[in-house]
Amino acid sequence: HVHVDSLQVDLLTVVGHKMYAPKGVGALYVR
């Protein structure tokens, strides 16, 4: 379980191919 508020972070990196999506896509959470 990864929740940005629980971790109290301002930016968080997500990667698609580590979670059963294709390589070549990801995201950055920005508070």
All heavy atoms as atom14 arrays in JSON, in Angstrom:
{
  "sequence": "HVHVDSLQVDLLTVVGHKMYAPKGVGALYVR",
  "atom14_mask": [
    [1, 1, 1, 1, 1, 1, 1, 1, 1, 1, 0, 0, 0, 0],
    [1, 1, 1, 1, 1, 1, 1, 0, 0, 0, 0, 0, 0, 0],
    [1, 1, 1, 1, 1, 1, 1, 1, 1, 1, 0, 0, 0, 0],
    [1, 1, 1, 1, 1, 1, 1, 0, 0, 0, 0, 0, 0, 0],
    [1, 1, 1, 1, 1, 1, 1, 1, 0, 0, 0, 0, 0, 0],
    [1, 1, 1, 1, 1, 1, 0, 0, 0, 0, 0, 0, 0, 0],
    [1, 1, 1, 1, 1, 1, 1, 1, 0, 0, 0, 0, 0, 0],
    [1, 1, 1, 1, 1, 1, 1, 1, 1, 0, 0, 0, 0, 0],
    [1, 1, 1, 1, 1, 1, 1, 0, 0, 0, 0, 0, 0, 0],
    [1, 1, 1, 1, 1, 1, 1, 1, 0, 0, 0, 0, 0, 0],
    [1, 1, 1, 1, 1, 1, 1, 1, 0, 0, 0, 0, 0, 0],
    [1, 1, 1, 1, 1, 1, 1, 1, 0, 0, 0, 0, 0, 0],
    [1, 1, 1, 1, 1, 1, 1, 0, 0, 0, 0, 0, 0, 0],
    [1, 1, 1, 1, 1, 1, 1, 0, 0, 0, 0, 0, 0, 0],
    [1, 1, 1, 1, 1, 1, 1, 0, 0, 0, 0, 0, 0, 0],
    [1, 1, 1, 1, 0, 0, 0, 0, 0, 0, 0, 0, 0, 0],
    [1, 1, 1, 1, 1, 1, 1, 1, 1, 1, 0, 0, 0, 0],
    [1, 1, 1, 1, 1, 1, 1, 1, 1, 0, 0, 0, 0, 0],
    [1, 1, 1, 1, 1, 1, 1, 1, 0, 0, 0, 0, 0, 0],
    [1, 1, 1, 1, 1, 1, 1, 1, 1, 1, 1, 1, 0, 0],
    [1, 1, 1, 1, 1, 0, 0, 0, 0, 0, 0, 0, 0, 0],
    [1, 1, 1, 1, 1, 1, 1, 0, 0, 0, 0, 0, 0, 0],
    [1, 1, 1, 1, 1, 1, 1, 1, 1, 0, 0, 0, 0, 0],
    [1, 1, 1, 1, 0, 0, 0, 0, 0, 0, 0, 0, 0, 0],
    [1, 1, 1, 1, 1, 1, 1, 0, 0, 0, 0, 0, 0, 0],
    [1, 1, 1, 1, 0, 0, 0, 0, 0, 0, 0, 0, 0, 0],
    [1, 1, 1, 1, 1, 0, 0, 0, 0, 0, 0, 0, 0, 0],
    [1, 1, 1, 1, 1, 1, 1, 1, 0, 0, 0, 0, 0, 0],
    [1, 1, 1, 1, 1, 1, 1, 1, 1, 1, 1, 1, 0, 0],
    [1, 1, 1, 1, 1, 1, 1, 0, 0, 0, 0, 0, 0, 0],
    [1, 1, 1, 1, 1, 1, 1, 1, 1, 1, 1, 0, 0, 0]
  ],
  "atom14_positions": [
    [[0.84, -1.2, 0.0], [0.0, 0.0, 0.0], [0.88, 1.25, 0.0], [1.73, 1.43, 0.88], [-0.92, -0.01, 1.22], [-1.92, -1.13, 1.19], [-3.1, -1.06, 0.46], [-1.91, -2.35, 1.77], [-3.78, -2.18, 0.62], [-3.08, -2.99, 1.4], [0.0, 0.0, 0.0], [0.0, 0.0, 0.0], [0.0, 0.0, 0.0], [0.0, 0.0, 0.0]],
    [[0.69, 2.1, -0.99], [1.44, 3.34, -1.13], [0.45, 4.49, -1.26], [-0.26, 4.58, -2.26], [2.38, 3.31, -2.35], [3.09, 4.64, -2.52], [3.38, 2.16, -2.24], [0.0, 0.0, 0.0], [0.0, 0.0, 0.0], [0.0, 0.0, 0.0], [0.0, 0.0, 0.0], [0.0, 0.0, 0.0], [0.0, 0.0, 0.0], [0.0, 0.0, 0.0]],
    [[0.4, 5.34, -0.24], [-0.49, 6.51, -0.25], [0.37, 7.75, -0.01], [1.1, 7.82, 0.98], [-1.58, 6.39, 0.8], [-2.54, 5.27, 0.55], [-3.62, 5.39, -0.29], [-2.56, 3.98, 1.0], [-4.27, 4.24, -0.33], [-3.65, 3.37, 0.43], [0.0, 0.0, 0.0], [0.0, 0.0, 0.0], [0.0, 0.0, 0.0], [0.0, 0.0, 0.0]],
    [[0.24, 8.72, -0.88], [1.12, 9.88, -0.81], [0.94, 10.66, 0.49], [1.91, 11.19, 1.04], [0.9, 10.79, -2.03], [1.36, 10.09, -3.3], [-0.55, 11.24, -2.16], [0.0, 0.0, 0.0], [0.0, 0.0, 0.0], [0.0, 0.0, 0.0], [0.0, 0.0, 0.0], [0.0, 0.0, 0.0], [0.0, 0.0, 0.0], [0.0, 0.0, 0.0]],
    [[-0.28, 10.73, 1.01], [-0.49, 11.46, 2.26], [0.12, 10.72, 3.44], [0.69, 11.34, 4.35], [-1.98, 11.7, 2.49], [-2.55, 12.77, 1.58], [-1.76, 13.55, 1.02], [-3.79, 12.82, 1.41], [0.0, 0.0, 0.0], [0.0, 0.0, 0.0], [0.0, 0.0, 0.0], [0.0, 0.0, 0.0], [0.0, 0.0, 0.0], [0.0, 0.0, 0.0]],
    [[0.01, 9.39, 3.45], [0.6, 8.62, 4.55], [2.11, 8.74, 4.55], [2.74, 8.81, 5.61], [0.19, 7.14, 4.43], [-1.2, 6.99, 4.54], [0.0, 0.0, 0.0], [0.0, 0.0, 0.0], [0.0, 0.0, 0.0], [0.0, 0.0, 0.0], [0.0, 0.0, 0.0], [0.0, 0.0, 0.0], [0.0, 0.0, 0.0], [0.0, 0.0, 0.0]],
    [[2.71, 8.78, 3.37], [4.16, 8.91, 3.27], [4.61, 10.35, 3.48], [5.8, 10.59, 3.71], [4.65, 8.41, 1.91], [4.52, 6.91, 1.64], [4.99, 6.58, 0.24], [5.29, 6.09, 2.67], [0.0, 0.0, 0.0], [0.0, 0.0, 0.0], [0.0, 0.0, 0.0], [0.0, 0.0, 0.0], [0.0, 0.0, 0.0], [0.0, 0.0, 0.0]],
    [[3.68, 11.29, 3.36], [3.96, 12.71, 3.55], [5.06, 13.2, 2.6], [5.99, 13.92, 3.01], [4.32, 13.01, 5.01], [3.2, 12.64, 5.97], [3.31, 13.33, 7.31], [3.67, 14.49, 7.4], [2.97, 12.6, 8.37], [0.0, 0.0, 0.0], [0.0, 0.0, 0.0], [0.0, 0.0, 0.0], [0.0, 0.0, 0.0], [0.0, 0.0, 0.0]],
    [[4.94, 12.8, 1.35], [5.91, 13.21, 0.33], [5.3, 14.28, -0.56], [4.08, 14.41, -0.68], [6.38, 12.01, -0.51], [7.16, 11.04, 0.36], [5.21, 11.3, -1.18], [0.0, 0.0, 0.0], [0.0, 0.0, 0.0], [0.0, 0.0, 0.0], [0.0, 0.0, 0.0], [0.0, 0.0, 0.0], [0.0, 0.0, 0.0], [0.0, 0.0, 0.0]],
    [[6.17, 15.01, -1.22], [5.75, 16.07, -2.14], [5.8, 15.61, -3.59], [5.07, 16.14, -4.44], [6.63, 17.3, -1.96], [6.6, 17.82, -0.53], [5.56, 18.34, -0.11], [7.62, 17.66, 0.18], [0.0, 0.0, 0.0], [0.0, 0.0, 0.0], [0.0, 0.0, 0.0], [0.0, 0.0, 0.0], [0.0, 0.0, 0.0], [0.0, 0.0, 0.0]],
    [[6.66, 14.67, -3.87], [6.8, 14.11, -5.21], [7.01, 12.61, -5.08], [7.71, 12.15, -4.16], [7.98, 14.73, -5.95], [7.98, 16.25, -6.08], [9.2, 16.84, -5.37], [7.98, 16.69, -7.53], [0.0, 0.0, 0.0], [0.0, 0.0, 0.0], [0.0, 0.0, 0.0], [0.0, 0.0, 0.0], [0.0, 0.0, 0.0], [0.0, 0.0, 0.0]],
    [[6.43, 11.83, -6.0], [6.55, 10.37, -5.91], [6.59, 9.78, -7.31], [5.75, 10.11, -8.16], [5.4, 9.78, -5.1], [5.45, 8.27, -4.86], [5.18, 7.94, -3.39], [4.43, 7.55, -5.74], [0.0, 0.0, 0.0], [0.0, 0.0, 0.0], [0.0, 0.0, 0.0], [0.0, 0.0, 0.0], [0.0, 0.0, 0.0], [0.0, 0.0, 0.0]],
    [[7.56, 8.9, -7.54], [7.78, 8.27, -8.84], [7.05, 6.95, -8.95], [7.11, 6.12, -8.04], [9.29, 8.05, -9.06], [9.92, 9.33, -9.22], [9.56, 7.19, -10.28], [0.0, 0.0, 0.0], [0.0, 0.0, 0.0], [0.0, 0.0, 0.0], [0.0, 0.0, 0.0], [0.0, 0.0, 0.0], [0.0, 0.0, 0.0], [0.0, 0.0, 0.0]],
    [[6.37, 6.75, -10.08], [5.65, 5.51, -10.39], [6.16, 4.98, -11.73], [6.41, 5.76, -12.65], [4.13, 5.75, -10.49], [3.39, 4.46, -10.81], [3.6, 6.36, -9.19], [0.0, 0.0, 0.0], [0.0, 0.0, 0.0], [0.0, 0.0, 0.0], [0.0, 0.0, 0.0], [0.0, 0.0, 0.0], [0.0, 0.0, 0.0], [0.0, 0.0, 0.0]],
    [[6.3, 3.65, -11.84], [6.8, 3.02, -13.06], [5.82, 1.94, -13.52], [5.48, 1.05, -12.75], [8.19, 2.4, -12.83], [8.7, 1.75, -14.11], [9.17, 3.45, -12.34], [0.0, 0.0, 0.0], [0.0, 0.0, 0.0], [0.0, 0.0, 0.0], [0.0, 0.0, 0.0], [0.0, 0.0, 0.0], [0.0, 0.0, 0.0], [0.0, 0.0, 0.0]],
    [[5.43, 2.01, -14.79], [4.46, 1.06, -15.32], [4.93, -0.37, -15.38], [4.2, -1.29, -14.99], [0.0, 0.0, 0.0], [0.0, 0.0, 0.0], [0.0, 0.0, 0.0], [0.0, 0.0, 0.0], [0.0, 0.0, 0.0], [0.0, 0.0, 0.0], [0.0, 0.0, 0.0], [0.0, 0.0, 0.0], [0.0, 0.0, 0.0], [0.0, 0.0, 0.0]],
    [[6.15, -0.6, -15.85], [6.56, -1.99, -16.11], [6.94, -2.74, -14.84], [7.3, -3.92, -14.91], [7.7, -2.04, -17.15], [9.04, -1.69, -16.63], [9.96, -2.65, -16.27], [9.65, -0.5, -16.41], [11.08, -2.06, -15.87], [10.91, -0.76, -15.93], [0.0, 0.0, 0.0], [0.0, 0.0, 0.0], [0.0, 0.0, 0.0], [0.0, 0.0, 0.0]],
    [[6.86, -2.1, -13.69], [7.04, -2.81, -12.42], [5.69, -3.26, -11.86], [5.64, -3.92, -10.82], [7.72, -1.9, -11.38], [9.02, -1.28, -11.83], [10.13, -2.28, -12.04], [11.45, -1.54, -12.29], [12.57, -2.47, -12.53], [0.0, 0.0, 0.0], [0.0, 0.0, 0.0], [0.0, 0.0, 0.0], [0.0, 0.0, 0.0], [0.0, 0.0, 0.0]],
    [[4.57, -2.89, -12.53], [3.25, -3.19, -12.01], [2.31, -3.69, -13.11], [1.14, -3.37, -13.13], [2.66, -1.97, -11.29], [2.73, -0.68, -12.07], [2.17, 0.78, -11.15], [0.4, 0.49, -11.1], [0.0, 0.0, 0.0], [0.0, 0.0, 0.0], [0.0, 0.0, 0.0], [0.0, 0.0, 0.0], [0.0, 0.0, 0.0], [0.0, 0.0, 0.0]],
    [[2.88, -4.48, -14.05], [2.11, -5.22, -15.04], [1.56, -4.35, -16.16], [0.63, -4.74, -16.87], [0.99, -6.03, -14.37], [1.52, -6.87, -13.23], [1.43, -6.43, -11.91], [2.16, -8.08, -13.47], [1.97, -7.17, -10.86], [2.69, -8.84, -12.44], [2.59, -8.38, -11.14], [3.12, -9.12, -10.12], [0.0, 0.0, 0.0], [0.0, 0.0, 0.0]],
    [[2.13, -3.17, -16.35], [1.85, -2.32, -17.5], [3.08, -2.39, -18.42], [4.1, -2.97, -18.07], [1.58, -0.89, -17.05], [0.0, 0.0, 0.0], [0.0, 0.0, 0.0], [0.0, 0.0, 0.0], [0.0, 0.0, 0.0], [0.0, 0.0, 0.0], [0.0, 0.0, 0.0], [0.0, 0.0, 0.0], [0.0, 0.0, 0.0], [0.0, 0.0, 0.0]],
    [[3.01, -1.77, -19.61], [4.16, -1.86, -20.53], [5.35, -1.04, -20.07], [5.23, -0.15, -19.23], [3.6, -1.27, -21.84], [2.13, -1.26, -21.7], [1.85, -1.13, -20.24], [0.0, 0.0, 0.0], [0.0, 0.0, 0.0], [0.0, 0.0, 0.0], [0.0, 0.0, 0.0], [0.0, 0.0, 0.0], [0.0, 0.0, 0.0], [0.0, 0.0, 0.0]],
    [[6.5, -1.36, -20.63], [7.67, -0.5, -20.48], [7.42, 0.78, -21.27], [6.76, 0.76, -22.3], [8.92, -1.21, -20.99], [9.2, -2.54, -20.28], [10.26, -3.31, -21.01], [10.45, -4.68, -20.39], [9.26, -5.56, -20.56], [0.0, 0.0, 0.0], [0.0, 0.0, 0.0], [0.0, 0.0, 0.0], [0.0, 0.0, 0.0], [0.0, 0.0, 0.0]],
    [[7.98, 1.89, -20.78], [7.85, 3.13, -21.52], [6.76, 4.06, -21.02], [6.43, 5.03, -21.7], [0.0, 0.0, 0.0], [0.0, 0.0, 0.0], [0.0, 0.0, 0.0], [0.0, 0.0, 0.0], [0.0, 0.0, 0.0], [0.0, 0.0, 0.0], [0.0, 0.0, 0.0], [0.0, 0.0, 0.0], [0.0, 0.0, 0.0], [0.0, 0.0, 0.0]],
    [[6.23, 3.79, -19.84], [5.23, 4.69, -19.26], [5.44, 4.75, -17.75], [5.79, 3.75, -17.11], [3.79, 4.26, -19.6], [3.43, 2.92, -18.96], [2.79, 5.35, -19.21], [0.0, 0.0, 0.0], [0.0, 0.0, 0.0], [0.0, 0.0, 0.0], [0.0, 0.0, 0.0], [0.0, 0.0, 0.0], [0.0, 0.0, 0.0], [0.0, 0.0, 0.0]],
    [[5.28, 5.93, -17.2], [5.39, 6.13, -15.76], [4.66, 7.4, -15.39], [3.94, 7.99, -16.21], [0.0, 0.0, 0.0], [0.0, 0.0, 0.0], [0.0, 0.0, 0.0], [0.0, 0.0, 0.0], [0.0, 0.0, 0.0], [0.0, 0.0, 0.0], [0.0, 0.0, 0.0], [0.0, 0.0, 0.0], [0.0, 0.0, 0.0], [0.0, 0.0, 0.0]],
    [[4.85, 7.83, -14.16], [4.18, 9.05, -13.71], [4.96, 9.65, -12.54], [5.73, 8.96, -11.87], [2.74, 8.76, -13.29], [0.0, 0.0, 0.0], [0.0, 0.0, 0.0], [0.0, 0.0, 0.0], [0.0, 0.0, 0.0], [0.0, 0.0, 0.0], [0.0, 0.0, 0.0], [0.0, 0.0, 0.0], [0.0, 0.0, 0.0], [0.0, 0.0, 0.0]],
    [[4.72, 10.93, -12.34], [5.27, 11.63, -11.18], [4.12, 12.33, -10.48], [3.42, 13.14, -11.08], [6.33, 12.65, -11.59], [6.95, 13.46, -10.45], [7.81, 12.55, -9.57], [7.78, 14.63, -11.0], [0.0, 0.0, 0.0], [0.0, 0.0, 0.0], [0.0, 0.0, 0.0], [0.0, 0.0, 0.0], [0.0, 0.0, 0.0], [0.0, 0.0, 0.0]],
    [[3.91, 11.98, -9.21], [2.95, 12.72, -8.38], [3.62, 14.01, -7.93], [4.77, 14.01, -7.46], [2.55, 11.88, -7.16], [2.0, 12.71, -6.02], [0.7, 13.23, -6.07], [2.79, 13.01, -4.91], [0.2, 14.01, -5.03], [2.3, 13.78, -3.87], [1.01, 14.28, -3.93], [0.53, 15.06, -2.91], [0.0, 0.0, 0.0], [0.0, 0.0, 0.0]],
    [[2.88, 15.11, -8.06], [3.37, 16.42, -7.63], [2.32, 17.04, -6.72], [1.2, 17.31, -7.15], [3.64, 17.34, -8.83], [4.21, 18.68, -8.35], [4.59, 16.68, -9.83], [0.0, 0.0, 0.0], [0.0, 0.0, 0.0], [0.0, 0.0, 0.0], [0.0, 0.0, 0.0], [0.0, 0.0, 0.0], [0.0, 0.0, 0.0], [0.0, 0.0, 0.0]],
    [[2.68, 17.26, -5.46], [1.74, 17.85, -4.5], [1.4, 19.28, -4.91], [2.26, 20.03, -5.39], [2.36, 17.84, -3.1], [1.4, 18.31, -2.0], [2.05, 18.19, -0.62], [3.26, 19.0, -0.5], [3.26, 20.31, -0.25], [2.12, 20.97, -0.11], [4.42, 20.95, -0.15], [0.0, 0.0, 0.0], [0.0, 0.0, 0.0], [0.0, 0.0, 0.0]]
  ]
}
